[in-house]
Amino acid sequence: MGSGSCMKGSSRSAFSLIELLVVVAILGILVGIFFTGFSYVVAKQNEKQAKMEIVALKTAVDSYKLEHGAYPNCPGNVCTPGECLFLSLAGFHNAEGTLQVPPYPTTIPAGLFGYERMSFDVAEIPDVSHEDGNSMILWLSDTLGKDPEFLDPWGNEYVYEFPREDGGHGYLLFSMGPDGKREEGFNEDDVR
């Protein structure tokens, strides 16, 4: 027998380099498809959550206007529009745009705030006025363990405008979307 009989009886026990590269390429394609699909689902879920939160906030703002006769507003511009919205809906900011201590009862759904509304002792609320600047905001931030603001699913503050910068009637309330920008050319992903 020659050297040919040795080759005839052996069996193949390993992948060739080409077969291994094909398997790795297929796995790479499958992982890419999975992550693309997963990121699409997460993006759609965040957009849907933002739309639901905007509807809830708009309903709360409209209820506030019905109850107090005006939209949440801070005439002295002591607080930002987002802080004004949060303080007003939480019961700390009244229709005149001044602080209300202790807070008035509010019927806004607690899930919007990210904390239990009366989870603090009313006696611990500092005796402050709006002229004291941010002392109420600082106390509330410390008490809640977070800034007093409504955040969208991307971690950006919801945009609240009253009075509106464009001079229109009513108020504006929207999310800047995933890019967190509202300038011209960046508003395609805004959620309203």
N, C-alpha and C. Protein backbone atom coordinates (compact mmCIF):
# COMPACT_ATOMS: atom_id res chain seq x y z
N MET A 1 0.83 -1.16 0.00
CA MET A 1 0.00 0.00 0.00
C MET A 1 0.88 1.23 0.00
N GLY A 2 0.40 2.17 -0.61
CA GLY A 2 1.18 3.39 -0.70
C GLY A 2 0.67 4.44 0.26
N SER A 3 1.11 5.62 0.04
CA SER A 3 0.73 6.73 0.92
C SER A 3 -0.72 7.14 0.70
N GLY A 4 -1.35 6.74 -0.37
CA GLY A 4 -2.73 7.09 -0.65
C GLY A 4 -3.70 6.43 0.31
N SER A 5 -3.39 5.21 0.81
CA SER A 5 -4.31 4.53 1.71
C SER A 5 -4.41 5.22 3.06
N CYS A 6 -3.38 5.92 3.45
CA CYS A 6 -3.39 6.65 4.73
C CYS A 6 -4.40 7.79 4.66
N MET A 7 -4.51 8.47 3.54
CA MET A 7 -5.43 9.59 3.38
C MET A 7 -6.86 9.08 3.30
N LYS A 8 -7.05 7.89 2.72
CA LYS A 8 -8.37 7.36 2.51
C LYS A 8 -9.06 7.04 3.82
N GLY A 9 -8.38 6.58 4.81
CA GLY A 9 -8.97 6.13 6.07
C GLY A 9 -9.12 7.22 7.12
N SER A 10 -8.53 8.39 6.93
CA SER A 10 -8.63 9.42 7.98
C SER A 10 -9.94 10.20 7.83
N SER A 11 -10.46 10.64 8.95
CA SER A 11 -11.70 11.44 8.90
C SER A 11 -11.37 12.89 9.26
N ARG A 12 -12.18 13.76 8.77
CA ARG A 12 -11.96 15.19 8.98
C ARG A 12 -12.53 15.57 10.34
N SER A 13 -11.76 16.28 11.20
CA SER A 13 -12.23 16.57 12.55
C SER A 13 -12.18 18.05 12.91
N ALA A 14 -11.97 18.97 11.98
CA ALA A 14 -11.89 20.40 12.32
C ALA A 14 -12.50 21.24 11.21
N PHE A 15 -12.90 22.48 11.56
CA PHE A 15 -13.41 23.42 10.56
C PHE A 15 -12.24 24.02 9.80
N SER A 16 -12.48 24.30 8.56
CA SER A 16 -11.47 25.02 7.80
C SER A 16 -11.59 26.50 8.14
N LEU A 17 -10.61 27.26 7.79
CA LEU A 17 -10.60 28.69 8.07
C LEU A 17 -11.78 29.38 7.39
N ILE A 18 -12.11 28.99 6.20
CA ILE A 18 -13.22 29.58 5.46
C ILE A 18 -14.54 29.31 6.18
N GLU A 19 -14.74 28.06 6.61
CA GLU A 19 -15.98 27.73 7.33
C GLU A 19 -16.09 28.53 8.62
N LEU A 20 -15.02 28.69 9.33
CA LEU A 20 -15.01 29.45 10.57
C LEU A 20 -15.34 30.92 10.30
N LEU A 21 -14.79 31.50 9.26
CA LEU A 21 -15.09 32.90 8.91
C LEU A 21 -16.56 33.07 8.50
N VAL A 22 -17.12 32.11 7.81
CA VAL A 22 -18.53 32.18 7.42
C VAL A 22 -19.42 32.14 8.66
N VAL A 23 -19.14 31.28 9.61
CA VAL A 23 -19.92 31.20 10.85
C VAL A 23 -19.82 32.51 11.63
N VAL A 24 -18.63 33.08 11.75
CA VAL A 24 -18.45 34.35 12.46
C VAL A 24 -19.21 35.48 11.76
N ALA A 25 -19.19 35.49 10.43
CA ALA A 25 -19.91 36.52 9.67
C ALA A 25 -21.41 36.40 9.89
N ILE A 26 -21.92 35.19 9.87
CA ILE A 26 -23.36 34.97 10.09
C ILE A 26 -23.75 35.42 11.49
N LEU A 27 -22.95 35.06 12.48
CA LEU A 27 -23.22 35.50 13.86
C LEU A 27 -23.19 37.03 13.97
N GLY A 28 -22.25 37.66 13.30
CA GLY A 28 -22.16 39.12 13.31
C GLY A 28 -23.39 39.77 12.70
N ILE A 29 -23.88 39.21 11.61
CA ILE A 29 -25.10 39.73 10.97
C ILE A 29 -26.30 39.57 11.90
N LEU A 30 -26.43 38.40 12.51
CA LEU A 30 -27.55 38.17 13.43
C LEU A 30 -27.51 39.12 14.63
N VAL A 31 -26.34 39.34 15.21
CA VAL A 31 -26.21 40.27 16.33
C VAL A 31 -26.54 41.69 15.89
N GLY A 32 -26.10 42.07 14.71
CA GLY A 32 -26.43 43.40 14.18
C GLY A 32 -27.92 43.60 13.99
N ILE A 33 -28.58 42.60 13.45
CA ILE A 33 -30.03 42.66 13.26
C ILE A 33 -30.73 42.75 14.61
N PHE A 34 -30.29 41.98 15.58
CA PHE A 34 -30.89 42.00 16.92
C PHE A 34 -30.76 43.37 17.55
N PHE A 35 -29.57 43.95 17.56
CA PHE A 35 -29.38 45.25 18.20
C PHE A 35 -30.09 46.37 17.45
N THR A 36 -30.16 46.30 16.14
CA THR A 36 -30.90 47.30 15.37
C THR A 36 -32.38 47.22 15.71
N GLY A 37 -32.91 46.03 15.75
CA GLY A 37 -34.32 45.84 16.10
C GLY A 37 -34.60 46.25 17.54
N PHE A 38 -33.69 45.93 18.44
CA PHE A 38 -33.86 46.28 19.85
C PHE A 38 -33.83 47.79 20.04
N SER A 39 -32.92 48.48 19.38
CA SER A 39 -32.85 49.94 19.52
C SER A 39 -34.08 50.61 18.93
N TYR A 40 -34.62 50.03 17.84
CA TYR A 40 -35.85 50.56 17.25
C TYR A 40 -37.02 50.42 18.23
N VAL A 41 -37.12 49.27 18.86
CA VAL A 41 -38.21 49.03 19.83
C VAL A 41 -38.07 49.98 21.02
N VAL A 42 -36.87 50.17 21.53
CA VAL A 42 -36.65 51.08 22.66
C VAL A 42 -37.00 52.52 22.25
N ALA A 43 -36.60 52.94 21.05
CA ALA A 43 -36.90 54.29 20.58
C ALA A 43 -38.41 54.50 20.48
N LYS A 44 -39.13 53.54 19.93
CA LYS A 44 -40.59 53.65 19.81
C LYS A 44 -41.25 53.64 21.19
N GLN A 45 -40.72 52.84 22.11
CA GLN A 45 -41.27 52.79 23.46
C GLN A 45 -41.07 54.14 24.16
N ASN A 46 -39.89 54.74 24.03
CA ASN A 46 -39.63 56.05 24.64
C ASN A 46 -40.54 57.12 24.05
N GLU A 47 -40.75 57.08 22.74
CA GLU A 47 -41.63 58.05 22.09
C GLU A 47 -43.07 57.90 22.58
N LYS A 48 -43.51 56.67 22.71
CA LYS A 48 -44.87 56.41 23.20
C LYS A 48 -45.02 56.88 24.65
N GLN A 49 -44.02 56.61 25.47
CA GLN A 49 -44.05 57.05 26.87
C GLN A 49 -44.09 58.57 26.95
N ALA A 50 -43.28 59.24 26.13
CA ALA A 50 -43.27 60.71 26.13
C ALA A 50 -44.64 61.26 25.74
N LYS A 51 -45.27 60.67 24.73
CA LYS A 51 -46.61 61.13 24.30
C LYS A 51 -47.63 60.96 25.42
N MET A 52 -47.57 59.84 26.13
CA MET A 52 -48.51 59.61 27.23
C MET A 52 -48.27 60.60 28.37
N GLU A 53 -46.99 60.85 28.69
CA GLU A 53 -46.68 61.80 29.75
C GLU A 53 -47.10 63.22 29.37
N ILE A 54 -46.93 63.58 28.10
CA ILE A 54 -47.35 64.92 27.64
C ILE A 54 -48.86 65.06 27.77
N VAL A 55 -49.60 64.04 27.39
CA VAL A 55 -51.06 64.09 27.53
C VAL A 55 -51.43 64.26 29.00
N ALA A 56 -50.78 63.51 29.89
CA ALA A 56 -51.07 63.61 31.32
C ALA A 56 -50.71 65.01 31.86
N LEU A 57 -49.56 65.54 31.43
CA LEU A 57 -49.16 66.88 31.89
C LEU A 57 -50.10 67.95 31.35
N LYS A 58 -50.50 67.84 30.08
CA LYS A 58 -51.43 68.82 29.51
C LYS A 58 -52.77 68.77 30.23
N THR A 59 -53.22 67.56 30.55
CA THR A 59 -54.46 67.43 31.31
C THR A 59 -54.32 68.08 32.67
N ALA A 60 -53.16 67.89 33.31
CA ALA A 60 -52.92 68.49 34.62
C ALA A 60 -52.87 70.02 34.52
N VAL A 61 -52.22 70.55 33.49
CA VAL A 61 -52.14 72.00 33.30
C VAL A 61 -53.53 72.57 33.05
N ASP A 62 -54.33 71.90 32.23
CA ASP A 62 -55.69 72.37 31.96
C ASP A 62 -56.56 72.32 33.23
N SER A 63 -56.39 71.27 34.04
CA SER A 63 -57.12 71.18 35.31
C SER A 63 -56.68 72.30 36.25
N TYR A 64 -55.38 72.59 36.26
CA TYR A 64 -54.86 73.68 37.09
C TYR A 64 -55.53 75.01 36.68
N LYS A 65 -55.63 75.24 35.38
CA LYS A 65 -56.26 76.48 34.90
C LYS A 65 -57.73 76.55 35.30
N LEU A 66 -58.44 75.43 35.19
CA LEU A 66 -59.85 75.41 35.59
C LEU A 66 -60.00 75.71 37.08
N GLU A 67 -59.11 75.16 37.88
CA GLU A 67 -59.20 75.33 39.33
C GLU A 67 -58.73 76.70 39.79
N HIS A 68 -57.67 77.24 39.16
CA HIS A 68 -57.05 78.48 39.64
C HIS A 68 -57.30 79.69 38.74
N GLY A 69 -57.86 79.47 37.57
CA GLY A 69 -58.18 80.58 36.67
C GLY A 69 -57.03 81.06 35.81
N ALA A 70 -55.88 80.43 35.91
CA ALA A 70 -54.71 80.82 35.11
C ALA A 70 -53.80 79.62 34.94
N TYR A 71 -52.98 79.66 33.89
CA TYR A 71 -51.97 78.62 33.72
C TYR A 71 -50.83 78.84 34.69
N PRO A 72 -50.08 77.77 35.02
CA PRO A 72 -48.90 77.96 35.87
C PRO A 72 -47.98 79.03 35.29
N ASN A 73 -47.59 79.97 36.13
CA ASN A 73 -46.80 81.10 35.68
C ASN A 73 -45.96 81.63 36.84
N CYS A 74 -44.81 82.15 36.52
CA CYS A 74 -43.93 82.76 37.53
C CYS A 74 -43.60 84.16 37.03
N PRO A 75 -44.43 85.17 37.36
CA PRO A 75 -44.24 86.50 36.80
C PRO A 75 -42.89 87.13 37.11
N GLY A 76 -42.32 86.81 38.25
CA GLY A 76 -41.03 87.41 38.60
C GLY A 76 -39.84 86.68 37.99
N ASN A 77 -40.11 85.62 37.22
CA ASN A 77 -39.05 84.79 36.62
C ASN A 77 -38.03 84.32 37.64
N VAL A 78 -38.50 84.08 38.88
CA VAL A 78 -37.61 83.57 39.93
C VAL A 78 -37.25 82.13 39.63
N CYS A 79 -38.21 81.37 39.12
CA CYS A 79 -37.94 79.97 38.78
C CYS A 79 -38.04 79.79 37.26
N THR A 80 -37.44 78.74 36.79
CA THR A 80 -37.50 78.43 35.36
C THR A 80 -38.91 77.98 35.02
N PRO A 81 -39.29 78.01 33.74
CA PRO A 81 -40.63 77.52 33.38
C PRO A 81 -40.88 76.08 33.83
N GLY A 82 -39.86 75.22 33.73
CA GLY A 82 -40.02 73.83 34.17
C GLY A 82 -40.22 73.72 35.67
N GLU A 83 -39.47 74.52 36.45
CA GLU A 83 -39.65 74.53 37.91
C GLU A 83 -41.03 75.08 38.27
N CYS A 84 -41.45 76.12 37.56
CA CYS A 84 -42.78 76.69 37.79
C CYS A 84 -43.86 75.65 37.55
N LEU A 85 -43.74 74.91 36.47
CA LEU A 85 -44.72 73.87 36.15
C LEU A 85 -44.75 72.82 37.26
N PHE A 86 -43.58 72.35 37.67
CA PHE A 86 -43.50 71.32 38.70
C PHE A 86 -44.07 71.83 40.02
N LEU A 87 -43.63 73.02 40.45
CA LEU A 87 -44.09 73.57 41.73
C LEU A 87 -45.60 73.81 41.71
N SER A 88 -46.12 74.30 40.58
CA SER A 88 -47.56 74.57 40.47
C SER A 88 -48.37 73.29 40.56
N LEU A 89 -47.98 72.27 39.82
CA LEU A 89 -48.74 71.02 39.82
C LEU A 89 -48.57 70.24 41.11
N ALA A 90 -47.45 70.46 41.81
CA ALA A 90 -47.23 69.80 43.10
C ALA A 90 -47.93 70.53 44.25
N GLY A 91 -48.44 71.73 43.98
CA GLY A 91 -49.18 72.46 45.01
C GLY A 91 -48.39 73.53 45.72
N PHE A 92 -47.15 73.80 45.31
CA PHE A 92 -46.31 74.78 45.98
C PHE A 92 -46.36 76.17 45.34
N HIS A 93 -46.94 76.29 44.19
CA HIS A 93 -46.91 77.54 43.43
C HIS A 93 -48.35 77.89 43.09
N ASN A 94 -48.87 79.01 43.58
CA ASN A 94 -50.28 79.31 43.37
C ASN A 94 -50.52 80.11 42.10
N ALA A 95 -51.78 80.44 41.84
CA ALA A 95 -52.17 81.10 40.59
C ALA A 95 -51.58 82.49 40.45
N GLU A 96 -51.23 83.12 41.57
CA GLU A 96 -50.62 84.45 41.50
C GLU A 96 -49.13 84.37 41.16
N GLY A 97 -48.60 83.16 41.12
CA GLY A 97 -47.19 82.99 40.81
C GLY A 97 -46.30 83.10 42.03
N THR A 98 -46.89 82.96 43.21
CA THR A 98 -46.10 83.01 44.44
C THR A 98 -46.12 81.64 45.10
N LEU A 99 -45.24 81.46 46.07
CA LEU A 99 -45.15 80.17 46.74
C LEU A 99 -46.32 79.97 47.68
N GLN A 100 -46.75 78.73 47.76
CA GLN A 100 -47.85 78.33 48.63
C GLN A 100 -47.28 77.34 49.64
N VAL A 101 -47.13 77.76 50.88
CA VAL A 101 -46.60 76.89 51.92
C VAL A 101 -47.55 76.94 53.10
N PRO A 102 -48.06 75.82 53.59
CA PRO A 102 -47.88 74.47 53.05
C PRO A 102 -48.59 74.33 51.70
N PRO A 103 -48.25 73.30 50.95
CA PRO A 103 -48.83 73.16 49.61
C PRO A 103 -50.32 72.87 49.67
N TYR A 104 -51.03 73.38 48.68
CA TYR A 104 -52.46 73.11 48.59
C TYR A 104 -52.67 71.70 48.04
N PRO A 105 -53.80 71.09 48.35
CA PRO A 105 -54.06 69.74 47.82
C PRO A 105 -54.15 69.78 46.30
N THR A 106 -53.62 68.80 45.68
CA THR A 106 -53.66 68.72 44.22
C THR A 106 -54.20 67.36 43.80
N THR A 107 -54.88 67.34 42.68
CA THR A 107 -55.48 66.09 42.20
C THR A 107 -54.67 65.50 41.05
N ILE A 108 -53.48 66.02 40.83
CA ILE A 108 -52.62 65.53 39.76
C ILE A 108 -52.15 64.12 40.10
N PRO A 109 -52.13 63.19 39.13
CA PRO A 109 -51.67 61.83 39.39
C PRO A 109 -50.24 61.81 39.96
N ALA A 110 -50.06 61.09 41.05
CA ALA A 110 -48.76 61.04 41.73
C ALA A 110 -47.65 60.48 40.86
N GLY A 111 -47.99 59.62 39.90
CA GLY A 111 -46.98 59.01 39.05
C GLY A 111 -46.22 60.02 38.21
N LEU A 112 -46.79 61.20 37.98
CA LEU A 112 -46.10 62.23 37.20
C LEU A 112 -44.91 62.81 37.94
N PHE A 113 -44.95 62.80 39.25
CA PHE A 113 -43.94 63.50 40.03
C PHE A 113 -42.69 62.68 40.30
N GLY A 114 -42.81 61.38 40.34
CA GLY A 114 -41.64 60.56 40.63
C GLY A 114 -41.32 60.52 42.12
N TYR A 115 -42.25 60.95 42.94
CA TYR A 115 -42.11 60.87 44.39
C TYR A 115 -43.52 60.89 44.99
N GLU A 116 -43.63 60.47 46.22
CA GLU A 116 -44.91 60.53 46.92
C GLU A 116 -45.09 61.96 47.40
N ARG A 117 -46.16 62.62 46.95
CA ARG A 117 -46.32 64.05 47.18
C ARG A 117 -46.19 64.47 48.63
N MET A 118 -46.75 63.78 49.54
CA MET A 118 -46.68 64.20 50.94
C MET A 118 -45.71 63.30 51.72
N SER A 119 -44.61 62.95 51.09
CA SER A 119 -43.62 62.10 51.74
C SER A 119 -42.69 62.88 52.65
N PHE A 120 -43.00 64.14 52.87
CA PHE A 120 -42.17 65.00 53.72
C PHE A 120 -43.05 65.56 54.82
N ASP A 121 -42.42 66.02 55.88
CA ASP A 121 -43.12 66.62 56.99
C ASP A 121 -43.34 68.10 56.67
N VAL A 122 -44.61 68.53 56.67
CA VAL A 122 -44.94 69.91 56.33
C VAL A 122 -44.23 70.89 57.28
N ALA A 123 -43.99 70.47 58.51
CA ALA A 123 -43.31 71.35 59.48
C ALA A 123 -41.86 71.60 59.07
N GLU A 124 -41.29 70.74 58.22
CA GLU A 124 -39.90 70.92 57.79
C GLU A 124 -39.75 71.88 56.61
N ILE A 125 -40.86 72.29 56.02
CA ILE A 125 -40.79 73.20 54.88
C ILE A 125 -40.26 74.54 55.37
N PRO A 126 -39.23 75.06 54.76
CA PRO A 126 -38.68 76.34 55.23
C PRO A 126 -39.66 77.49 55.02
N ASP A 127 -39.57 78.46 55.88
CA ASP A 127 -40.41 79.66 55.76
C ASP A 127 -39.74 80.57 54.74
N VAL A 128 -40.17 80.46 53.50
CA VAL A 128 -39.53 81.22 52.42
C VAL A 128 -40.58 81.95 51.59
N SER A 129 -40.12 82.94 50.89
CA SER A 129 -40.98 83.61 49.91
C SER A 129 -40.29 83.51 48.56
N HIS A 130 -40.99 83.91 47.52
CA HIS A 130 -40.39 83.85 46.19
C HIS A 130 -39.20 84.79 46.07
N GLU A 131 -39.19 85.81 46.86
CA GLU A 131 -38.08 86.77 46.80
C GLU A 131 -36.79 86.17 47.36
N ASP A 132 -36.91 85.05 48.07
CA ASP A 132 -35.73 84.38 48.62
C ASP A 132 -34.97 83.60 47.56
N GLY A 133 -35.40 83.72 46.33
CA GLY A 133 -34.70 83.05 45.23
C GLY A 133 -34.97 81.57 45.18
N ASN A 134 -33.93 80.79 45.10
CA ASN A 134 -34.05 79.34 44.88
C ASN A 134 -34.12 78.52 46.15
N SER A 135 -34.35 79.12 47.31
CA SER A 135 -34.31 78.35 48.55
C SER A 135 -35.37 77.25 48.58
N MET A 136 -36.56 77.50 48.04
CA MET A 136 -37.60 76.46 47.98
C MET A 136 -37.17 75.35 47.02
N ILE A 137 -36.62 75.73 45.90
CA ILE A 137 -36.14 74.74 44.92
C ILE A 137 -35.06 73.87 45.55
N LEU A 138 -34.12 74.50 46.26
CA LEU A 138 -33.03 73.75 46.89
C LEU A 138 -33.57 72.81 47.97
N TRP A 139 -34.53 73.29 48.77
CA TRP A 139 -35.11 72.43 49.81
C TRP A 139 -35.82 71.25 49.16
N LEU A 140 -36.62 71.51 48.13
CA LEU A 140 -37.37 70.46 47.47
C LEU A 140 -36.42 69.46 46.79
N SER A 141 -35.37 69.95 46.17
CA SER A 141 -34.37 69.06 45.55
C SER A 141 -33.75 68.15 46.59
N ASP A 142 -33.40 68.71 47.73
CA ASP A 142 -32.78 67.92 48.80
C ASP A 142 -33.77 66.90 49.36
N THR A 143 -35.02 67.33 49.55
CA THR A 143 -36.04 66.45 50.11
C THR A 143 -36.39 65.31 49.17
N LEU A 144 -36.52 65.63 47.88
CA LEU A 144 -36.91 64.61 46.89
C LEU A 144 -35.74 63.77 46.42
N GLY A 145 -34.54 64.29 46.58
CA GLY A 145 -33.37 63.59 46.06
C GLY A 145 -33.22 63.75 44.56
N LYS A 146 -33.93 64.71 43.99
CA LYS A 146 -33.84 64.99 42.55
C LYS A 146 -34.30 66.42 42.31
N ASP A 147 -33.97 66.95 41.15
CA ASP A 147 -34.42 68.30 40.81
C ASP A 147 -35.93 68.31 40.61
N PRO A 148 -36.59 69.39 41.04
CA PRO A 148 -38.04 69.47 40.85
C PRO A 148 -38.38 69.83 39.41
N GLU A 149 -38.43 68.83 38.58
CA GLU A 149 -38.72 69.03 37.16
C GLU A 149 -39.31 67.75 36.60
N PHE A 150 -40.04 67.88 35.52
CA PHE A 150 -40.58 66.72 34.82
C PHE A 150 -39.62 66.37 33.70
N LEU A 151 -39.12 65.14 33.72
CA LEU A 151 -38.15 64.69 32.71
C LEU A 151 -38.79 63.74 31.72
N ASP A 152 -38.40 63.87 30.46
CA ASP A 152 -38.88 62.96 29.43
C ASP A 152 -38.07 61.66 29.48
N PRO A 153 -38.43 60.66 28.70
CA PRO A 153 -37.71 59.37 28.74
C PRO A 153 -36.22 59.46 28.39
N TRP A 154 -35.79 60.56 27.76
CA TRP A 154 -34.38 60.72 27.40
C TRP A 154 -33.61 61.53 28.44
N GLY A 155 -34.28 61.88 29.56
CA GLY A 155 -33.61 62.60 30.64
C GLY A 155 -33.59 64.11 30.48
N ASN A 156 -34.33 64.64 29.51
CA ASN A 156 -34.40 66.09 29.30
C ASN A 156 -35.67 66.64 29.94
N GLU A 157 -35.60 67.87 30.39
CA GLU A 157 -36.77 68.51 30.96
C GLU A 157 -37.80 68.79 29.86
N TYR A 158 -39.08 68.52 30.16
CA TYR A 158 -40.14 68.89 29.21
C TYR A 158 -40.14 70.40 29.06
N VAL A 159 -40.38 70.87 27.86
CA VAL A 159 -40.42 72.31 27.58
C VAL A 159 -41.82 72.82 27.88
N TYR A 160 -41.90 73.81 28.77
CA TYR A 160 -43.18 74.45 29.10
C TYR A 160 -43.01 75.94 28.86
N GLU A 161 -43.91 76.51 28.08
CA GLU A 161 -43.87 77.95 27.80
C GLU A 161 -45.22 78.57 28.09
N PHE A 162 -45.26 79.45 29.06
CA PHE A 162 -46.39 80.32 29.29
C PHE A 162 -45.88 81.55 30.03
N PRO A 163 -46.06 82.70 29.49
CA PRO A 163 -46.64 82.98 28.17
C PRO A 163 -45.71 82.48 27.07
N ARG A 164 -46.30 82.24 25.91
CA ARG A 164 -45.55 81.67 24.79
C ARG A 164 -44.60 82.70 24.19
N GLU A 165 -43.42 82.22 23.80
CA GLU A 165 -42.42 83.09 23.17
C GLU A 165 -42.89 83.61 21.81
N ASP A 166 -43.73 82.82 21.12
CA ASP A 166 -44.20 83.23 19.80
C ASP A 166 -45.44 84.13 19.87
N GLY A 167 -45.89 84.46 21.08
CA GLY A 167 -47.03 85.34 21.25
C GLY A 167 -48.37 84.65 21.07
N GLY A 168 -48.37 83.35 20.85
CA GLY A 168 -49.62 82.61 20.65
C GLY A 168 -50.41 82.49 21.94
N HIS A 169 -51.66 82.06 21.80
CA HIS A 169 -52.54 81.87 22.95
C HIS A 169 -52.23 80.54 23.63
N GLY A 170 -52.56 80.46 24.90
CA GLY A 170 -52.37 79.23 25.65
C GLY A 170 -50.92 79.00 26.01
N TYR A 171 -50.54 77.75 26.05
CA TYR A 171 -49.19 77.36 26.45
C TYR A 171 -48.64 76.33 25.48
N LEU A 172 -47.34 76.12 25.53
CA LEU A 172 -46.68 75.04 24.79
C LEU A 172 -46.14 74.05 25.80
N LEU A 173 -46.25 72.78 25.50
CA LEU A 173 -45.68 71.73 26.34
C LEU A 173 -45.27 70.59 25.42
N PHE A 174 -43.97 70.29 25.38
CA PHE A 174 -43.48 69.23 24.50
C PHE A 174 -42.13 68.73 24.97
N SER A 175 -41.71 67.62 24.37
CA SER A 175 -40.40 67.05 24.62
C SER A 175 -39.49 67.39 23.45
N MET A 176 -38.23 67.64 23.74
CA MET A 176 -37.26 67.93 22.69
C MET A 176 -36.80 66.66 21.98
N GLY A 177 -37.27 65.50 22.42
CA GLY A 177 -36.93 64.24 21.78
C GLY A 177 -35.55 63.74 22.15
N PRO A 178 -35.09 62.70 21.46
CA PRO A 178 -33.83 62.07 21.82
C PRO A 178 -32.61 62.97 21.70
N ASP A 179 -32.63 63.95 20.79
CA ASP A 179 -31.44 64.80 20.64
C ASP A 179 -31.37 65.91 21.68
N GLY A 180 -32.47 66.18 22.39
CA GLY A 180 -32.46 67.18 23.45
C GLY A 180 -32.28 68.61 22.97
N LYS A 181 -32.55 68.86 21.69
CA LYS A 181 -32.35 70.20 21.12
C LYS A 181 -33.67 70.69 20.54
N ARG A 182 -33.85 72.01 20.56
CA ARG A 182 -35.07 72.56 19.99
C ARG A 182 -34.81 73.68 18.99
N GLU A 183 -33.57 73.90 18.64
CA GLU A 183 -33.25 74.94 17.66
C GLU A 183 -33.74 74.52 16.28
N GLU A 184 -33.77 75.49 15.38
CA GLU A 184 -34.17 75.22 14.00
C GLU A 184 -33.28 74.13 13.41
N GLY A 185 -33.89 73.16 12.77
CA GLY A 185 -33.15 72.06 12.18
C GLY A 185 -33.01 70.87 13.11
N PHE A 186 -33.32 71.04 14.40
CA PHE A 186 -33.22 69.94 15.35
C PHE A 186 -34.58 69.56 15.92
N ASN A 187 -35.66 70.11 15.38
CA ASN A 187 -36.96 69.87 15.97
C ASN A 187 -37.76 68.75 15.28
N GLU A 188 -37.13 68.02 14.37
CA GLU A 188 -37.84 66.94 13.69
C GLU A 188 -38.20 65.81 14.65
N ASP A 189 -37.41 65.62 15.70
CA ASP A 189 -37.68 64.52 16.62
C ASP A 189 -38.43 64.97 17.87
N ASP A 190 -38.87 66.24 17.91
CA ASP A 190 -39.64 66.72 19.06
C ASP A 190 -40.93 65.92 19.17
N VAL A 191 -41.36 65.67 20.40
CA VAL A 191 -42.60 64.93 20.64
C VAL A 191 -43.60 65.92 21.23
N ARG A 192 -44.71 66.08 20.56
CA ARG A 192 -45.73 67.06 21.01
C ARG A 192 -47.03 66.36 21.33
